[in-house]
Amino acid sequence: MNTLKIQNNWHGIRDKLKEKYNQLSYEDLSYVKGQEDQLLARLEEKTGKRREALIEEINKM
């Protein structure tokens, strides 16, 4: 299983995701270290993409 690698650039990643998926709110994109599962669950629900695909997309950003 892929691991989400956010590090210190979440604001930049968040802005790219918001631009790509305009249906996402900043609340949907809120991230707290240690709560990656909650973030991914919200993104899965709102985008309809699988968790693995989202992890891969985010890690490439």
N, C-alpha and C. Protein backbone atom coordinates (compact mmCIF):
# COMPACT_ATOMS: atom_id res chain seq x y z
N MET A 1 0.85 -1.19 0.00
CA MET A 1 0.00 0.00 0.00
C MET A 1 0.88 1.24 0.00
N ASN A 2 0.49 2.22 -0.75
CA ASN A 2 1.24 3.48 -0.84
C ASN A 2 1.08 4.28 0.44
N THR A 3 2.09 5.08 0.73
CA THR A 3 2.07 5.94 1.90
C THR A 3 1.97 7.39 1.46
N LEU A 4 1.14 8.14 2.11
CA LEU A 4 0.97 9.55 1.80
C LEU A 4 2.19 10.32 2.32
N LYS A 5 2.81 11.10 1.43
CA LYS A 5 4.01 11.87 1.78
C LYS A 5 3.70 13.36 1.63
N ILE A 6 3.28 13.97 2.71
CA ILE A 6 2.90 15.38 2.65
C ILE A 6 4.04 16.30 3.06
N GLN A 7 4.81 15.93 4.05
CA GLN A 7 5.94 16.71 4.55
C GLN A 7 5.52 18.13 4.90
N ASN A 8 6.27 19.12 4.42
CA ASN A 8 6.03 20.51 4.82
C ASN A 8 5.36 21.35 3.74
N ASN A 9 4.85 20.73 2.70
CA ASN A 9 4.30 21.50 1.58
C ASN A 9 2.79 21.33 1.44
N TRP A 10 2.07 21.15 2.52
CA TRP A 10 0.64 20.89 2.39
C TRP A 10 -0.09 22.06 1.76
N HIS A 11 0.26 23.28 2.07
CA HIS A 11 -0.47 24.43 1.51
C HIS A 11 -0.37 24.45 -0.01
N GLY A 12 0.80 24.16 -0.55
CA GLY A 12 0.97 24.11 -2.00
C GLY A 12 0.17 22.97 -2.62
N ILE A 13 0.21 21.80 -1.99
CA ILE A 13 -0.54 20.65 -2.48
C ILE A 13 -2.04 20.95 -2.39
N ARG A 14 -2.48 21.51 -1.27
CA ARG A 14 -3.89 21.85 -1.08
C ARG A 14 -4.38 22.77 -2.19
N ASP A 15 -3.59 23.79 -2.51
CA ASP A 15 -4.00 24.74 -3.54
C ASP A 15 -4.09 24.07 -4.91
N LYS A 16 -3.18 23.15 -5.21
CA LYS A 16 -3.23 22.42 -6.50
C LYS A 16 -4.46 21.52 -6.56
N LEU A 17 -4.77 20.85 -5.45
CA LEU A 17 -5.96 20.00 -5.41
C LEU A 17 -7.24 20.83 -5.56
N LYS A 18 -7.28 21.99 -4.91
CA LYS A 18 -8.45 22.88 -4.99
C LYS A 18 -8.64 23.35 -6.42
N GLU A 19 -7.55 23.66 -7.10
CA GLU A 19 -7.62 24.11 -8.48
C GLU A 19 -8.11 22.98 -9.40
N LYS A 20 -7.61 21.77 -9.17
CA LYS A 20 -7.98 20.64 -10.02
C LYS A 20 -9.40 20.15 -9.75
N TYR A 21 -9.79 20.12 -8.49
CA TYR A 21 -11.11 19.63 -8.08
C TYR A 21 -11.87 20.77 -7.41
N ASN A 22 -12.51 21.58 -8.21
CA ASN A 22 -13.15 22.78 -7.66
C ASN A 22 -14.32 22.47 -6.73
N GLN A 23 -14.78 21.20 -6.69
CA GLN A 23 -15.85 20.84 -5.78
C GLN A 23 -15.35 20.69 -4.34
N LEU A 24 -14.03 20.67 -4.15
CA LEU A 24 -13.47 20.55 -2.81
C LEU A 24 -13.45 21.90 -2.11
N SER A 25 -13.85 21.90 -0.86
CA SER A 25 -13.77 23.13 -0.06
C SER A 25 -12.47 23.10 0.73
N TYR A 26 -12.12 24.24 1.29
CA TYR A 26 -10.92 24.26 2.13
C TYR A 26 -11.13 23.42 3.38
N GLU A 27 -12.37 23.26 3.81
CA GLU A 27 -12.67 22.36 4.94
C GLU A 27 -12.38 20.91 4.54
N ASP A 28 -12.76 20.53 3.31
CA ASP A 28 -12.46 19.18 2.82
C ASP A 28 -10.96 18.94 2.78
N LEU A 29 -10.20 19.98 2.52
CA LEU A 29 -8.77 19.88 2.35
C LEU A 29 -7.98 20.18 3.62
N SER A 30 -8.69 20.31 4.74
CA SER A 30 -7.97 20.58 5.99
C SER A 30 -7.17 19.34 6.38
N TYR A 31 -5.94 19.55 6.81
CA TYR A 31 -5.04 18.45 7.14
C TYR A 31 -4.40 18.70 8.49
N VAL A 32 -4.46 17.69 9.33
CA VAL A 32 -3.78 17.71 10.62
C VAL A 32 -2.85 16.51 10.64
N LYS A 33 -1.61 16.74 10.97
CA LYS A 33 -0.63 15.65 11.01
C LYS A 33 -1.16 14.51 11.87
N GLY A 34 -1.06 13.31 11.33
CA GLY A 34 -1.55 12.13 12.02
C GLY A 34 -2.97 11.75 11.65
N GLN A 35 -3.66 12.62 10.88
CA GLN A 35 -5.04 12.34 10.49
C GLN A 35 -5.17 12.20 8.97
N GLU A 36 -4.19 11.53 8.39
CA GLU A 36 -4.18 11.34 6.94
C GLU A 36 -5.38 10.52 6.47
N ASP A 37 -5.80 9.53 7.28
CA ASP A 37 -6.94 8.69 6.89
C ASP A 37 -8.22 9.50 6.74
N GLN A 38 -8.44 10.45 7.64
CA GLN A 38 -9.63 11.29 7.56
C GLN A 38 -9.59 12.17 6.31
N LEU A 39 -8.42 12.72 6.02
CA LEU A 39 -8.25 13.54 4.82
C LEU A 39 -8.55 12.71 3.57
N LEU A 40 -7.95 11.55 3.49
CA LEU A 40 -8.14 10.70 2.31
C LEU A 40 -9.59 10.25 2.17
N ALA A 41 -10.26 9.98 3.27
CA ALA A 41 -11.67 9.58 3.22
C ALA A 41 -12.52 10.71 2.64
N ARG A 42 -12.26 11.95 3.06
CA ARG A 42 -13.00 13.09 2.51
C ARG A 42 -12.73 13.25 1.02
N LEU A 43 -11.46 13.12 0.63
CA LEU A 43 -11.11 13.27 -0.78
C LEU A 43 -11.73 12.17 -1.62
N GLU A 44 -11.73 10.95 -1.11
CA GLU A 44 -12.36 9.83 -1.83
C GLU A 44 -13.84 10.12 -2.07
N GLU A 45 -14.50 10.56 -1.02
CA GLU A 45 -15.94 10.82 -1.11
C GLU A 45 -16.25 11.94 -2.11
N LYS A 46 -15.48 13.00 -2.06
CA LYS A 46 -15.77 14.17 -2.90
C LYS A 46 -15.33 14.01 -4.35
N THR A 47 -14.22 13.28 -4.58
CA THR A 47 -13.71 13.17 -5.95
C THR A 47 -14.15 11.88 -6.64
N GLY A 48 -14.53 10.87 -5.86
CA GLY A 48 -14.90 9.58 -6.44
C GLY A 48 -13.69 8.75 -6.84
N LYS A 49 -12.50 9.21 -6.49
CA LYS A 49 -11.27 8.47 -6.81
C LYS A 49 -10.93 7.51 -5.68
N ARG A 50 -10.22 6.45 -6.03
CA ARG A 50 -9.77 5.49 -5.02
C ARG A 50 -8.61 6.07 -4.21
N ARG A 51 -8.49 5.59 -3.00
CA ARG A 51 -7.44 6.06 -2.08
C ARG A 51 -6.05 5.95 -2.68
N GLU A 52 -5.75 4.82 -3.31
CA GLU A 52 -4.42 4.60 -3.89
C GLU A 52 -4.12 5.62 -4.98
N ALA A 53 -5.13 5.93 -5.80
CA ALA A 53 -4.95 6.91 -6.87
C ALA A 53 -4.71 8.30 -6.28
N LEU A 54 -5.43 8.63 -5.22
CA LEU A 54 -5.24 9.94 -4.58
C LEU A 54 -3.86 10.06 -3.94
N ILE A 55 -3.42 9.00 -3.29
CA ILE A 55 -2.08 9.01 -2.67
C ILE A 55 -1.01 9.22 -3.74
N GLU A 56 -1.14 8.50 -4.84
CA GLU A 56 -0.16 8.64 -5.92
C GLU A 56 -0.16 10.06 -6.47
N GLU A 57 -1.35 10.62 -6.69
CA GLU A 57 -1.47 11.98 -7.22
C GLU A 57 -0.86 13.00 -6.27
N ILE A 58 -1.18 12.89 -4.98
CA ILE A 58 -0.66 13.83 -4.01
C ILE A 58 0.85 13.72 -3.88
N ASN A 59 1.36 12.50 -3.87
CA ASN A 59 2.82 12.31 -3.74
C ASN A 59 3.59 12.87 -4.94
N LYS A 60 2.95 12.98 -6.09
CA LYS A 60 3.62 13.54 -7.27
C LYS A 60 3.62 15.06 -7.26
N MET A 61 2.82 15.66 -6.39
CA MET A 61 2.71 17.13 -6.38
C MET A 61 3.85 17.73 -5.66
